Amino acid sequence: MRRMILLFLTLLLASGTVVGSLAHATEDRAEKTSLIAALDAGCLSEQATELAESDKEKSSSGEQQKFPSAPHGCHGHHSGVPDARSPRVVAAAAEVEAARGRQRQAGYRYNPTLNVDVENFAGTGPYSGLNGLETTVSVNQRLDIGGRRRARMTLADAEFLAAQYRLEIARADLAFEVRNQFATALAARDGLTLARENEARARELVRVAQAMVDTGNEPPLRAFRANAALVQATAELRTAEAEERTARRSLAALLGSSVPPAELIEGDLWVAPVTVDSLATLDVRLAETEKLIAEARLQGQRADGRLDPSVGFGVRQLRDTGDRALIANVSVPLPV
C-alpha cells in the first residue's frame, strides 16, 4: 500500500507538469488577440505603459503581462490636495484593488480533479466481500485549448487599467473642485468681513443719528432711516455668516471630513496654463480602454464556444492478484 501511495504521488506530480506544459505550449502557439495587438501597436500612450511592474511580477500565471497600467497623473498630494479621505477617491481606490484581485485570479489555471474509484466488491461469487476489489486513483486536468484563460486575463487587465484611469480622473476632479471650493470659501470669508464692517458702521450711524435727534438737530425721520439701514446690514451679516459656514462645510465634505476648517489660510491658487493633447487626456484614454474591454468580452464569448478536452492519469490496484497498472484517459465534451 505504501508503494502504491508513493507511485500515485509521483504520477500526480508528473501529470501536473505535463498538463501544465501542454497548456502553456498551446497558449504560446496561439495568435495574439486583437486587444494585445492593439496595445502593442500603441493605441494607448507611452505614459500609460510605465507602471505596475511589481504587479506583473506578482502575477500567478507566470507569463509576462502585456497590459500597461494607468499613469500616476495628477495626484492630490502633488497638487496640494489631501485626497486620502475623499469618499470618491476612496471608492475609486477600492475599485482598483478589487480589479487587481480579479486580475490576479484570472491568471490561475483550472484545478485538477482527483478521482478515487472502488469496483468489484460486495457482490456475489468471486466478487463477494473484498476478494475482487479493484481500486483506481486518477488525476484529471482540463486543458485550456480554447483560449478561455487568455481571454480572462485580457479582460481582467483591461478592467484593471480602466479602474486606474477612473482613480486618476477622480483625483483630478477632486483637485479641481477643492481649488474652486477653496476660492469660494475665501470669497465667502471676505464677504463676511465686509458684512461685519457694514453692520458695525450702520450701528454707529444709528447711535449718531439718535444723538442728533435727541438734541433737536435732526428730525426723528433721520433716526428711523438709520435703524432701517441697521436692520438691513444685520440681515446681510447673517446671510454672509451662513454662506461662509456653508462654504467651509462644503470644502470639508469634499475632503471626507465632518469638521469644517476653523480658519482658511489664503495661498497661491494660480495654476500655470499647460498645453494638453486632446487625444491624450484621461477621458480619452479611459474611452480607449473601455473599447478594449468590449473587445475582450467579445473574445471571451467566442472562447466559451470552443470545447476543451481533459486528460487524466492514474494507477489501479488489483486486490486478487496484488498487481498494479497505470491508466490514462482523454475526455472531450460533445456539443449537443
C-alpha atoms as a PDB file:
ATOM      1  CA  MET A   1       0.000   0.000   0.000  1.00  0.00           C
ATOM      2  CA  ARG A   2       2.892   2.350   0.755  1.00  0.00           C
ATOM      3  CA  ARG A   3       4.382   1.668  -2.646  1.00  0.00           C
ATOM      4  CA  MET A   4       1.039   2.408  -4.219  1.00  0.00           C
ATOM      5  CA  ILE A   5       0.804   5.784  -2.474  1.00  0.00           C
ATOM      6  CA  LEU A   6       4.369   6.710  -3.489  1.00  0.00           C
ATOM      7  CA  LEU A   7       3.677   5.708  -7.071  1.00  0.00           C
ATOM      8  CA  PHE A   8       0.473   7.741  -7.078  1.00  0.00           C
ATOM      9  CA  LEU A   9       2.201  10.865  -5.740  1.00  0.00           C
ATOM     10  CA  THR A  10       4.935  10.544  -8.373  1.00  0.00           C
ATOM     11  CA  LEU A  11       2.285  10.135 -11.043  1.00  0.00           C
ATOM     12  CA  LEU A  12       0.385  13.164  -9.722  1.00  0.00           C
ATOM     13  CA  LEU A  13       3.448  15.408  -9.940  1.00  0.00           C
ATOM     14  CA  ALA A  14       4.331  14.134 -13.387  1.00  0.00           C
ATOM     15  CA  SER A  15       0.810  14.606 -14.719  1.00  0.00           C
ATOM     16  CA  GLY A  16       0.610  18.157 -13.360  1.00  0.00           C
ATOM     17  CA  THR A  17       3.910  19.055 -15.020  1.00  0.00           C
ATOM     18  CA  VAL A  18       2.936  17.502 -18.337  1.00  0.00           C
ATOM     19  CA  VAL A  19      -0.516  19.065 -18.380  1.00  0.00           C
ATOM     20  CA  GLY A  20       0.827  22.492 -17.460  1.00  0.00           C
ATOM     21  CA  SER A  21       3.469  22.271 -20.165  1.00  0.00           C
ATOM     22  CA  LEU A  22       0.907  21.239 -22.765  1.00  0.00           C
ATOM     23  CA  ALA A  23      -1.441  24.091 -21.872  1.00  0.00           C
ATOM     24  CA  HIS A  24       1.387  26.618 -21.799  1.00  0.00           C
ATOM     25  CA  ALA A  25       2.721  25.472 -25.162  1.00  0.00           C
ATOM     26  CA  THR A  26      -0.760  25.650 -26.652  1.00  0.00           C
ATOM     27  CA  GLU A  27      -1.205  29.250 -25.463  1.00  0.00           C
ATOM     28  CA  ASP A  28       2.214  30.235 -26.775  1.00  0.00           C
ATOM     29  CA  ARG A  29       1.295  28.948 -30.203  1.00  0.00           C
ATOM     30  CA  ALA A  30      -1.973  30.859 -30.200  1.00  0.00           C
ATOM     31  CA  GLU A  31      -2.179  34.064 -32.173  1.00  0.00           C
ATOM     32  CA  LYS A  32      -2.188  37.388 -30.375  1.00  0.00           C
ATOM     33  CA  THR A  33      -5.635  38.667 -29.689  1.00  0.00           C
ATOM     34  CA  SER A  34      -6.823  41.901 -31.200  1.00  0.00           C
ATOM     35  CA  LEU A  35      -6.640  43.556 -27.792  1.00  0.00           C
ATOM     36  CA  ILE A  36      -2.981  42.638 -27.212  1.00  0.00           C
ATOM     37  CA  ALA A  37      -2.177  43.599 -30.788  1.00  0.00           C
ATOM     38  CA  ALA A  38      -3.852  46.958 -30.272  1.00  0.00           C
ATOM     39  CA  LEU A  39      -1.754  47.582 -27.196  1.00  0.00           C
ATOM     40  CA  ASP A  40       1.437  46.542 -28.973  1.00  0.00           C
ATOM     41  CA  ALA A  41       0.514  48.831 -31.862  1.00  0.00           C
ATOM     42  CA  GLY A  42       0.369  51.795 -29.493  1.00  0.00           C
ATOM     43  CA  CYS A  43      -3.327  52.535 -29.123  1.00  0.00           C
ATOM     44  CA  LEU A  44      -2.525  53.828 -25.650  1.00  0.00           C
ATOM     45  CA  SER A  45       0.088  56.448 -24.987  1.00  0.00           C
ATOM     46  CA  GLU A  46       3.580  55.769 -23.649  1.00  0.00           C
ATOM     47  CA  GLN A  47       2.686  57.318 -20.312  1.00  0.00           C
ATOM     48  CA  ALA A  48       0.205  54.516 -19.718  1.00  0.00           C
ATOM     49  CA  THR A  49       2.886  51.817 -20.077  1.00  0.00           C
ATOM     50  CA  GLU A  50       5.325  52.803 -17.359  1.00  0.00           C
ATOM     51  CA  LEU A  51       3.829  51.414 -14.129  1.00  0.00           C
ATOM     52  CA  ALA A  52       2.674  48.234 -12.340  1.00  0.00           C
ATOM     53  CA  GLU A  53       5.883  46.250 -12.950  1.00  0.00           C
ATOM     54  CA  SER A  54       5.571  44.915  -9.425  1.00  0.00           C
ATOM     55  CA  ASP A  55       2.042  43.700 -10.177  1.00  0.00           C
ATOM     56  CA  LYS A  56       3.327  41.873 -13.226  1.00  0.00           C
ATOM     57  CA  GLU A  57       5.939  40.068 -11.161  1.00  0.00           C
ATOM     58  CA  LYS A  58       3.309  39.073  -8.584  1.00  0.00           C
ATOM     59  CA  SER A  59       1.019  37.535 -11.189  1.00  0.00           C
ATOM     60  CA  SER A  60       0.486  33.858 -10.515  1.00  0.00           C
ATOM     61  CA  SER A  61       0.250  32.996 -14.184  1.00  0.00           C
ATOM     62  CA  GLY A  62       3.989  33.133 -14.670  1.00  0.00           C
ATOM     63  CA  GLU A  63       3.536  34.826 -18.049  1.00  0.00           C
ATOM     64  CA  GLN A  64       4.660  38.298 -18.893  1.00  0.00           C
ATOM     65  CA  GLN A  65       1.750  40.697 -18.746  1.00  0.00           C
ATOM     66  CA  LYS A  66       1.347  42.908 -21.800  1.00  0.00           C
ATOM     67  CA  PHE A  67      -1.052  45.400 -20.358  1.00  0.00           C
ATOM     68  CA  PRO A  68       0.078  48.843 -19.276  1.00  0.00           C
ATOM     69  CA  SER A  69      -1.029  50.403 -16.045  1.00  0.00           C
ATOM     70  CA  ALA A  70      -2.564  53.809 -15.613  1.00  0.00           C
ATOM     71  CA  PRO A  71      -0.150  56.722 -15.268  1.00  0.00           C
ATOM     72  CA  HIS A  72       0.430  58.402 -11.951  1.00  0.00           C
ATOM     73  CA  GLY A  73      -1.130  61.552 -13.356  1.00  0.00           C
ATOM     74  CA  CYS A  74      -2.209  64.397 -11.103  1.00  0.00           C
ATOM     75  CA  HIS A  75      -2.239  63.001  -7.584  1.00  0.00           C
ATOM     76  CA  GLY A  76      -3.992  65.010  -4.917  1.00  0.00           C
ATOM     77  CA  HIS A  77      -0.871  65.285  -2.803  1.00  0.00           C
ATOM     78  CA  HIS A  78       1.057  66.530  -5.826  1.00  0.00           C
ATOM     79  CA  SER A  79      -1.345  69.439  -6.212  1.00  0.00           C
ATOM     80  CA  GLY A  80      -1.608  70.152  -2.517  1.00  0.00           C
ATOM     81  CA  VAL A  81      -4.998  68.441  -2.122  1.00  0.00           C
ATOM     82  CA  PRO A  82      -5.213  65.688   0.540  1.00  0.00           C
ATOM     83  CA  ASP A  83      -7.338  63.011  -1.126  1.00  0.00           C
ATOM     84  CA  ALA A  84      -6.797  60.129   1.290  1.00  0.00           C
ATOM     85  CA  ARG A  85     -10.181  60.668   2.963  1.00  0.00           C
ATOM     86  CA  SER A  86     -12.196  61.842  -0.008  1.00  0.00           C
ATOM     87  CA  PRO A  87     -15.175  59.472  -0.436  1.00  0.00           C
ATOM     88  CA  ARG A  88     -14.988  59.415  -4.208  1.00  0.00           C
ATOM     89  CA  VAL A  89     -11.225  58.798  -4.234  1.00  0.00           C
ATOM     90  CA  VAL A  90     -11.510  56.110  -1.558  1.00  0.00           C
ATOM     91  CA  ALA A  91     -14.225  54.379  -3.597  1.00  0.00           C
ATOM     92  CA  ALA A  92     -12.156  54.568  -6.788  1.00  0.00           C
ATOM     93  CA  ALA A  93      -9.082  53.233  -4.970  1.00  0.00           C
ATOM     94  CA  ALA A  94     -11.133  50.329  -3.594  1.00  0.00           C
ATOM     95  CA  GLU A  95     -12.290  49.518  -7.121  1.00  0.00           C
ATOM     96  CA  VAL A  96      -8.640  49.468  -8.245  1.00  0.00           C
ATOM     97  CA  GLU A  97      -7.798  46.960  -5.511  1.00  0.00           C
ATOM     98  CA  ALA A  98     -10.799  44.833  -6.487  1.00  0.00           C
ATOM     99  CA  ALA A  99      -9.713  44.905 -10.137  1.00  0.00           C
ATOM    100  CA  ARG A 100      -6.188  43.970  -9.054  1.00  0.00           C
ATOM    101  CA  GLY A 101      -7.588  40.912  -7.280  1.00  0.00           C
ATOM    102  CA  ARG A 102      -9.627  39.917 -10.327  1.00  0.00           C
ATOM    103  CA  GLN A 103      -6.540  40.371 -12.480  1.00  0.00           C
ATOM    104  CA  ARG A 104      -4.535  38.040 -10.260  1.00  0.00           C
ATOM    105  CA  GLN A 105      -7.346  35.495 -10.115  1.00  0.00           C
ATOM    106  CA  ALA A 106      -7.794  35.481 -13.892  1.00  0.00           C
ATOM    107  CA  GLY A 107      -4.283  34.089 -14.354  1.00  0.00           C
ATOM    108  CA  TYR A 108      -4.990  30.870 -12.483  1.00  0.00           C
ATOM    109  CA  ARG A 109      -5.430  27.676 -14.464  1.00  0.00           C
ATOM    110  CA  TYR A 110      -8.161  25.100 -13.956  1.00  0.00           C
ATOM    111  CA  ASN A 111      -7.728  22.984 -10.842  1.00  0.00           C
ATOM    112  CA  PRO A 112      -7.035  19.280 -11.393  1.00  0.00           C
ATOM    113  CA  THR A 113      -9.649  16.740 -10.312  1.00  0.00           C
ATOM    114  CA  LEU A 114      -8.811  13.781  -8.068  1.00  0.00           C
ATOM    115  CA  ASN A 115     -10.880  10.654  -8.688  1.00  0.00           C
ATOM    116  CA  VAL A 116     -10.983   7.541  -6.486  1.00  0.00           C
ATOM    117  CA  ASP A 117     -12.966   4.563  -7.888  1.00  0.00           C
ATOM    118  CA  VAL A 118     -13.641   1.341  -5.992  1.00  0.00           C
ATOM    119  CA  GLU A 119     -15.035  -1.574  -8.045  1.00  0.00           C
ATOM    120  CA  ASN A 120     -15.981  -5.242  -7.749  1.00  0.00           C
ATOM    121  CA  PHE A 121     -16.823  -5.546  -4.081  1.00  0.00           C
ATOM    122  CA  ALA A 122     -19.812  -6.692  -2.001  1.00  0.00           C
ATOM    123  CA  GLY A 123     -21.063  -8.769  -4.928  1.00  0.00           C
ATOM    124  CA  THR A 124     -21.689 -12.469  -5.395  1.00  0.00           C
ATOM    125  CA  GLY A 125     -19.458 -15.398  -6.120  1.00  0.00           C
ATOM    126  CA  PRO A 126     -15.785 -14.407  -6.534  1.00  0.00           C
ATOM    127  CA  TYR A 127     -16.747 -10.790  -6.004  1.00  0.00           C
ATOM    128  CA  SER A 128     -18.233 -11.230  -2.564  1.00  0.00           C
ATOM    129  CA  GLY A 129     -16.728  -9.164   0.200  1.00  0.00           C
ATOM    130  CA  LEU A 130     -13.463  -7.549  -0.841  1.00  0.00           C
ATOM    131  CA  ASN A 131     -11.943 -10.501  -2.687  1.00  0.00           C
ATOM    132  CA  GLY A 132     -12.217  -8.950  -6.146  1.00  0.00           C
ATOM    133  CA  LEU A 133     -11.738  -5.345  -5.043  1.00  0.00           C
ATOM    134  CA  GLU A 134     -10.182  -3.005  -7.599  1.00  0.00           C
ATOM    135  CA  THR A 135      -9.132   0.486  -6.543  1.00  0.00           C
ATOM    136  CA  THR A 136      -8.320   3.188  -9.080  1.00  0.00           C
ATOM    137  CA  VAL A 137      -6.832   6.564  -8.180  1.00  0.00           C
ATOM    138  CA  SER A 138      -6.518   9.083 -11.023  1.00  0.00           C
ATOM    139  CA  VAL A 139      -5.992  12.798 -11.661  1.00  0.00           C
ATOM    140  CA  ASN A 140      -7.800  14.643 -14.461  1.00  0.00           C
ATOM    141  CA  GLN A 141      -6.795  18.035 -15.823  1.00  0.00           C
ATOM    142  CA  ARG A 142      -8.824  20.221 -18.134  1.00  0.00           C
ATOM    143  CA  LEU A 143      -6.728  21.731 -20.935  1.00  0.00           C
ATOM    144  CA  ASP A 144      -7.419  25.335 -21.896  1.00  0.00           C
ATOM    145  CA  ILE A 145      -7.008  24.947 -25.627  1.00  0.00           C
ATOM    146  CA  GLY A 146      -9.980  27.179 -26.431  1.00  0.00           C
ATOM    147  CA  GLY A 147      -8.270  30.286 -25.038  1.00  0.00           C
ATOM    148  CA  ARG A 148     -10.554  30.906 -22.076  1.00  0.00           C
ATOM    149  CA  ARG A 149      -7.689  31.709 -19.721  1.00  0.00           C
ATOM    150  CA  ARG A 150      -6.116  34.119 -22.183  1.00  0.00           C
ATOM    151  CA  ALA A 151      -9.487  35.822 -22.661  1.00  0.00           C
ATOM    152  CA  ARG A 152      -9.979  36.101 -18.888  1.00  0.00           C
ATOM    153  CA  MET A 153      -6.521  37.609 -18.421  1.00  0.00           C
ATOM    154  CA  THR A 154      -7.030  40.073 -21.271  1.00  0.00           C
ATOM    155  CA  LEU A 155     -10.368  41.233 -19.855  1.00  0.00           C
ATOM    156  CA  ALA A 156      -9.026  41.487 -16.296  1.00  0.00           C
ATOM    157  CA  ASP A 157      -6.010  43.510 -17.467  1.00  0.00           C
ATOM    158  CA  ALA A 158      -8.250  45.929 -19.362  1.00  0.00           C
ATOM    159  CA  GLU A 159     -10.623  46.332 -16.411  1.00  0.00           C
ATOM    160  CA  PHE A 160      -7.684  46.954 -14.064  1.00  0.00           C
ATOM    161  CA  LEU A 161      -6.353  49.634 -16.412  1.00  0.00           C
ATOM    162  CA  ALA A 162      -9.788  51.271 -16.630  1.00  0.00           C
ATOM    163  CA  ALA A 163     -10.081  51.286 -12.826  1.00  0.00           C
ATOM    164  CA  GLN A 164      -6.722  53.038 -12.547  1.00  0.00           C
ATOM    165  CA  TYR A 165      -7.810  55.659 -15.061  1.00  0.00           C
ATOM    166  CA  ARG A 166     -11.031  56.240 -13.113  1.00  0.00           C
ATOM    167  CA  LEU A 167      -8.973  56.703  -9.957  1.00  0.00           C
ATOM    168  CA  GLU A 168      -6.795  59.318 -11.647  1.00  0.00           C
ATOM    169  CA  ILE A 169      -9.881  61.070 -13.018  1.00  0.00           C
ATOM    170  CA  ALA A 170     -11.411  61.106  -9.527  1.00  0.00           C
ATOM    171  CA  ARG A 171      -8.233  62.642  -8.128  1.00  0.00           C
ATOM    172  CA  ALA A 172      -8.080  65.253 -10.865  1.00  0.00           C
ATOM    173  CA  ASP A 173     -11.757  66.133 -10.386  1.00  0.00           C
ATOM    174  CA  LEU A 174     -11.202  66.376  -6.640  1.00  0.00           C
ATOM    175  CA  ALA A 175      -8.240  68.721  -7.081  1.00  0.00           C
ATOM    176  CA  PHE A 176     -10.288  70.924  -9.425  1.00  0.00           C
ATOM    177  CA  GLU A 177     -13.358  71.020  -7.163  1.00  0.00           C
ATOM    178  CA  VAL A 178     -11.334  71.638  -4.000  1.00  0.00           C
ATOM    179  CA  ARG A 179      -9.492  74.502  -5.660  1.00  0.00           C
ATOM    180  CA  ASN A 180     -12.769  76.075  -6.779  1.00  0.00           C
ATOM    181  CA  GLN A 181     -14.452  75.474  -3.418  1.00  0.00           C
ATOM    182  CA  PHE A 182     -11.465  76.927  -1.590  1.00  0.00           C
ATOM    183  CA  ALA A 183     -11.731  80.075  -3.728  1.00  0.00           C
ATOM    184  CA  THR A 184     -15.468  80.185  -2.961  1.00  0.00           C
ATOM    185  CA  ALA A 185     -14.753  79.836   0.767  1.00  0.00           C
ATOM    186  CA  LEU A 186     -12.189  82.647   0.619  1.00  0.00           C
ATOM    187  CA  ALA A 187     -14.702  84.869  -1.153  1.00  0.00           C
ATOM    188  CA  ALA A 188     -17.334  83.998   1.473  1.00  0.00           C
ATOM    189  CA  ARG A 189     -14.838  84.810   4.238  1.00  0.00           C
ATOM    190  CA  ASP A 190     -14.060  88.203   2.703  1.00  0.00           C
ATOM    191  CA  GLY A 191     -17.775  88.825   2.227  1.00  0.00           C
ATOM    192  CA  LEU A 192     -18.361  88.064   5.905  1.00  0.00           C
ATOM    193  CA  THR A 193     -15.619  90.514   6.908  1.00  0.00           C
ATOM    194  CA  LEU A 194     -17.200  93.212   4.753  1.00  0.00           C
ATOM    195  CA  ALA A 195     -20.669  92.472   6.162  1.00  0.00           C
ATOM    196  CA  ARG A 196     -19.365  92.798   9.706  1.00  0.00           C
ATOM    197  CA  GLU A 197     -17.787  96.142   8.900  1.00  0.00           C
ATOM    198  CA  ASN A 198     -21.005  97.354   7.285  1.00  0.00           C
ATOM    199  CA  GLU A 199     -23.036  96.243  10.295  1.00  0.00           C
ATOM    200  CA  ALA A 200     -20.667  97.991  12.702  1.00  0.00           C
ATOM    201  CA  ARG A 201     -20.797 101.170  10.598  1.00  0.00           C
ATOM    202  CA  ALA A 202     -24.602 101.055  10.450  1.00  0.00           C
ATOM    203  CA  ARG A 203     -24.769 100.604  14.229  1.00  0.00           C
ATOM    204  CA  GLU A 204     -22.524 103.632  14.717  1.00  0.00           C
ATOM    205  CA  LEU A 205     -24.690 105.675  12.367  1.00  0.00           C
ATOM    206  CA  VAL A 206     -27.755 104.734  14.425  1.00  0.00           C
ATOM    207  CA  ARG A 207     -26.033 105.979  17.568  1.00  0.00           C
ATOM    208  CA  VAL A 208     -25.055 109.268  15.903  1.00  0.00           C
ATOM    209  CA  ALA A 209     -28.474 109.804  14.342  1.00  0.00           C
ATOM    210  CA  GLN A 210     -30.259 109.124  17.627  1.00  0.00           C
ATOM    211  CA  ALA A 211     -27.990 111.573  19.415  1.00  0.00           C
ATOM    212  CA  MET A 212     -28.706 114.283  16.815  1.00  0.00           C
ATOM    213  CA  VAL A 213     -32.437 113.634  17.081  1.00  0.00           C
ATOM    214  CA  ASP A 214     -32.270 113.843  20.874  1.00  0.00           C
ATOM    215  CA  THR A 215     -30.516 117.236  20.664  1.00  0.00           C
ATOM    216  CA  GLY A 216     -33.083 118.519  18.167  1.00  0.00           C
ATOM    217  CA  ASN A 217     -30.581 118.901  15.303  1.00  0.00           C
ATOM    218  CA  GLU A 218     -32.302 116.271  13.140  1.00  0.00           C
ATOM    219  CA  PRO A 219     -35.905 115.169  12.745  1.00  0.00           C
ATOM    220  CA  PRO A 220     -36.966 111.701  14.007  1.00  0.00           C
ATOM    221  CA  LEU A 221     -37.056 110.516  10.392  1.00  0.00           C
ATOM    222  CA  ARG A 222     -33.254 110.538  10.383  1.00  0.00           C
ATOM    223  CA  ALA A 223     -33.093 108.015  13.243  1.00  0.00           C
ATOM    224  CA  PHE A 224     -35.802 105.903  11.604  1.00  0.00           C
ATOM    225  CA  ARG A 225     -33.780 105.662   8.373  1.00  0.00           C
ATOM    226  CA  ALA A 226     -30.609 104.776  10.285  1.00  0.00           C
ATOM    227  CA  ASN A 227     -32.407 101.977  12.152  1.00  0.00           C
ATOM    228  CA  ALA A 228     -33.778 100.623   8.872  1.00  0.00           C
ATOM    229  CA  ALA A 229     -30.265 100.599   7.423  1.00  0.00           C
ATOM    230  CA  LEU A 230     -29.022  98.766  10.533  1.00  0.00           C
ATOM    231  CA  VAL A 231     -31.716  96.098  10.159  1.00  0.00           C
ATOM    232  CA  GLN A 232     -30.717  95.553   6.535  1.00  0.00           C
ATOM    233  CA  ALA A 233     -26.999  95.392   7.419  1.00  0.00           C
ATOM    234  CA  THR A 234     -27.745  92.866  10.182  1.00  0.00           C
ATOM    235  CA  ALA A 235     -29.708  90.679   7.770  1.00  0.00           C
ATOM    236  CA  GLU A 236     -26.851  90.823   5.267  1.00  0.00           C
ATOM    237  CA  LEU A 237     -24.427  89.848   8.042  1.00  0.00           C
ATOM    238  CA  ARG A 238     -26.499  86.805   8.962  1.00  0.00           C
ATOM    239  CA  THR A 239     -26.620  85.793   5.294  1.00  0.00           C
ATOM    240  CA  ALA A 240     -22.860  86.210   4.954  1.00  0.00           C
ATOM    241  CA  GLU A 241     -22.280  84.115   8.076  1.00  0.00           C
ATOM    242  CA  ALA A 242     -24.474  81.318   6.694  1.00  0.00           C
ATOM    243  CA  GLU A 243     -22.714  81.411   3.318  1.00  0.00           C
ATOM    244  CA  GLU A 244     -19.293  81.322   4.977  1.00  0.00           C
ATOM    245  CA  ARG A 245     -20.251  78.327   7.132  1.00  0.00           C
ATOM    246  CA  THR A 246     -21.707  76.525   4.128  1.00  0.00           C
ATOM    247  CA  ALA A 247     -18.566  77.148   2.090  1.00  0.00           C
ATOM    248  CA  ARG A 248     -16.310  75.742   4.828  1.00  0.00           C
ATOM    249  CA  ARG A 249     -18.545  72.699   5.326  1.00  0.00           C
ATOM    250  CA  SER A 250     -18.645  72.029   1.576  1.00  0.00           C
ATOM    251  CA  LEU A 251     -14.861  72.181   1.498  1.00  0.00           C
ATOM    252  CA  ALA A 252     -14.643  69.711   4.390  1.00  0.00           C
ATOM    253  CA  ALA A 253     -17.153  67.370   2.703  1.00  0.00           C
ATOM    254  CA  LEU A 254     -15.010  67.215  -0.426  1.00  0.00           C
ATOM    255  CA  LEU A 255     -12.094  66.030   1.704  1.00  0.00           C
ATOM    256  CA  GLY A 256     -14.172  63.491   3.616  1.00  0.00           C
ATOM    257  CA  SER A 257     -14.153  65.375   6.916  1.00  0.00           C
ATOM    258  CA  SER A 258     -17.164  66.077   9.114  1.00  0.00           C
ATOM    259  CA  VAL A 259     -15.458  69.002  10.865  1.00  0.00           C
ATOM    260  CA  PRO A 260     -15.125  72.164   8.755  1.00  0.00           C
ATOM    261  CA  PRO A 261     -11.823  74.057   8.967  1.00  0.00           C
ATOM    262  CA  ALA A 262     -11.872  76.758  11.617  1.00  0.00           C
ATOM    263  CA  GLU A 263      -9.653  79.045   9.568  1.00  0.00           C
ATOM    264  CA  LEU A 264      -8.747  79.425   5.919  1.00  0.00           C
ATOM    265  CA  ILE A 265      -5.172  80.353   5.107  1.00  0.00           C
ATOM    266  CA  GLU A 266      -5.005  82.043   1.750  1.00  0.00           C
ATOM    267  CA  GLY A 267      -2.415  80.696  -0.657  1.00  0.00           C
ATOM    268  CA  ASP A 268      -1.444  80.937  -4.281  1.00  0.00           C
ATOM    269  CA  LEU A 269      -4.281  79.494  -6.359  1.00  0.00           C
ATOM    270  CA  TRP A 270      -2.677  80.347  -9.670  1.00  0.00           C
ATOM    271  CA  VAL A 271      -2.010  77.378 -11.941  1.00  0.00           C
ATOM    272  CA  ALA A 272       0.253  77.898 -14.916  1.00  0.00           C
ATOM    273  CA  PRO A 273      -1.543  77.024 -18.173  1.00  0.00           C
ATOM    274  CA  VAL A 274      -0.221  73.958 -19.959  1.00  0.00           C
ATOM    275  CA  THR A 275      -0.729  72.604 -23.442  1.00  0.00           C
ATOM    276  CA  VAL A 276      -2.805  69.418 -23.363  1.00  0.00           C
ATOM    277  CA  ASP A 277      -3.083  66.986 -26.245  1.00  0.00           C
ATOM    278  CA  SER A 278      -6.774  66.408 -26.794  1.00  0.00           C
ATOM    279  CA  LEU A 279      -6.093  62.769 -27.707  1.00  0.00           C
ATOM    280  CA  ALA A 280      -4.016  62.078 -24.593  1.00  0.00           C
ATOM    281  CA  THR A 281      -6.397  63.154 -21.831  1.00  0.00           C
ATOM    282  CA  LEU A 282      -7.536  60.755 -19.140  1.00  0.00           C
ATOM    283  CA  ASP A 283     -11.080  60.707 -20.503  1.00  0.00           C
ATOM    284  CA  VAL A 284      -9.862  59.718 -23.968  1.00  0.00           C
ATOM    285  CA  ARG A 285      -7.626  57.014 -22.553  1.00  0.00           C
ATOM    286  CA  LEU A 286     -10.490  55.686 -20.462  1.00  0.00           C
ATOM    287  CA  ALA A 287     -12.699  55.563 -23.564  1.00  0.00           C
ATOM    288  CA  GLU A 288      -9.982  53.643 -25.430  1.00  0.00           C
ATOM    289  CA  THR A 289      -9.698  51.188 -22.541  1.00  0.00           C
ATOM    290  CA  GLU A 290     -13.469  50.668 -22.409  1.00  0.00           C
ATOM    291  CA  LYS A 291     -13.349  49.863 -26.115  1.00  0.00           C
ATOM    292  CA  LEU A 292     -10.673  47.261 -25.401  1.00  0.00           C
ATOM    293  CA  ILE A 293     -12.832  45.861 -22.589  1.00  0.00           C
ATOM    294  CA  ALA A 294     -15.692  45.367 -25.043  1.00  0.00           C
ATOM    295  CA  GLU A 295     -13.341  43.589 -27.453  1.00  0.00           C
ATOM    296  CA  ALA A 296     -12.038  41.380 -24.638  1.00  0.00           C
ATOM    297  CA  ARG A 297     -15.572  40.406 -23.618  1.00  0.00           C
ATOM    298  CA  LEU A 298     -16.376  39.513 -27.217  1.00  0.00           C
ATOM    299  CA  GLN A 299     -13.227  37.415 -27.351  1.00  0.00           C
ATOM    300  CA  GLY A 300     -14.262  35.668 -24.135  1.00  0.00           C
ATOM    301  CA  GLN A 301     -17.713  34.860 -25.535  1.00  0.00           C
ATOM    302  CA  ARG A 302     -16.099  33.322 -28.596  1.00  0.00           C
ATOM    303  CA  ALA A 303     -13.734  31.292 -26.415  1.00  0.00           C
ATOM    304  CA  ASP A 304     -16.688  29.950 -24.414  1.00  0.00           C
ATOM    305  CA  GLY A 305     -17.997  28.398 -27.623  1.00  0.00           C
ATOM    306  CA  ARG A 306     -14.890  26.227 -28.021  1.00  0.00           C
ATOM    307  CA  LEU A 307     -14.545  22.818 -26.381  1.00  0.00           C
ATOM    308  CA  ASP A 308     -11.657  21.992 -24.044  1.00  0.00           C
ATOM    309  CA  PRO A 309     -10.563  18.354 -23.610  1.00  0.00           C
ATOM    310  CA  SER A 310      -9.477  16.802 -20.327  1.00  0.00           C
ATOM    311  CA  VAL A 311      -6.660  14.306 -19.821  1.00  0.00           C
ATOM    312  CA  GLY A 312      -6.133  12.008 -16.887  1.00  0.00           C
ATOM    313  CA  PHE A 313      -3.543   9.627 -15.464  1.00  0.00           C
ATOM    314  CA  GLY A 314      -3.885   7.169 -12.610  1.00  0.00           C
ATOM    315  CA  VAL A 315      -2.978   3.861 -11.066  1.00  0.00           C
ATOM    316  CA  ARG A 316      -5.155   0.793 -10.440  1.00  0.00           C
ATOM    317  CA  GLN A 317      -4.658  -1.769  -7.644  1.00  0.00           C
ATOM    318  CA  LEU A 318      -5.930  -5.334  -8.271  1.00  0.00           C
ATOM    319  CA  ARG A 319      -6.562  -6.970  -4.905  1.00  0.00           C
ATOM    320  CA  ASP A 320      -6.972 -10.544  -6.036  1.00  0.00           C
ATOM    321  CA  THR A 321      -3.564 -10.670  -7.754  1.00  0.00           C
ATOM    322  CA  GLY A 322      -1.796  -7.809  -5.947  1.00  0.00           C
ATOM    323  CA  ASP A 323      -0.778  -6.275  -9.297  1.00  0.00           C
ATOM    324  CA  ARG A 324      -0.802  -2.589 -10.229  1.00  0.00           C
ATOM    325  CA  ALA A 325      -1.413  -0.951 -13.583  1.00  0.00           C
ATOM    326  CA  LEU A 326      -1.395   2.581 -14.976  1.00  0.00           C
ATOM    327  CA  ILE A 327      -4.431   4.051 -16.653  1.00  0.00           C
ATOM    328  CA  ALA A 328      -4.880   7.066 -18.910  1.00  0.00           C
ATOM    329  CA  ASN A 329      -7.970   8.745 -20.293  1.00  0.00           C
ATOM    330  CA  VAL A 330      -8.957  11.596 -22.555  1.00  0.00           C
ATOM    331  CA  SER A 331     -12.427  13.139 -22.456  1.00  0.00           C
ATOM    332  CA  VAL A 332     -13.894  15.661 -24.866  1.00  0.00           C
ATOM    333  CA  PRO A 333     -17.286  17.351 -24.336  1.00  0.00           C
ATOM    334  CA  LEU A 334     -19.711  16.842 -27.195  1.00  0.00           C
ATOM    335  CA  PRO A 335     -21.817  19.776 -28.420  1.00  0.00           C
ATOM    336  CA  VAL A 336     -25.479  18.780 -28.353  1.00  0.00           C
END
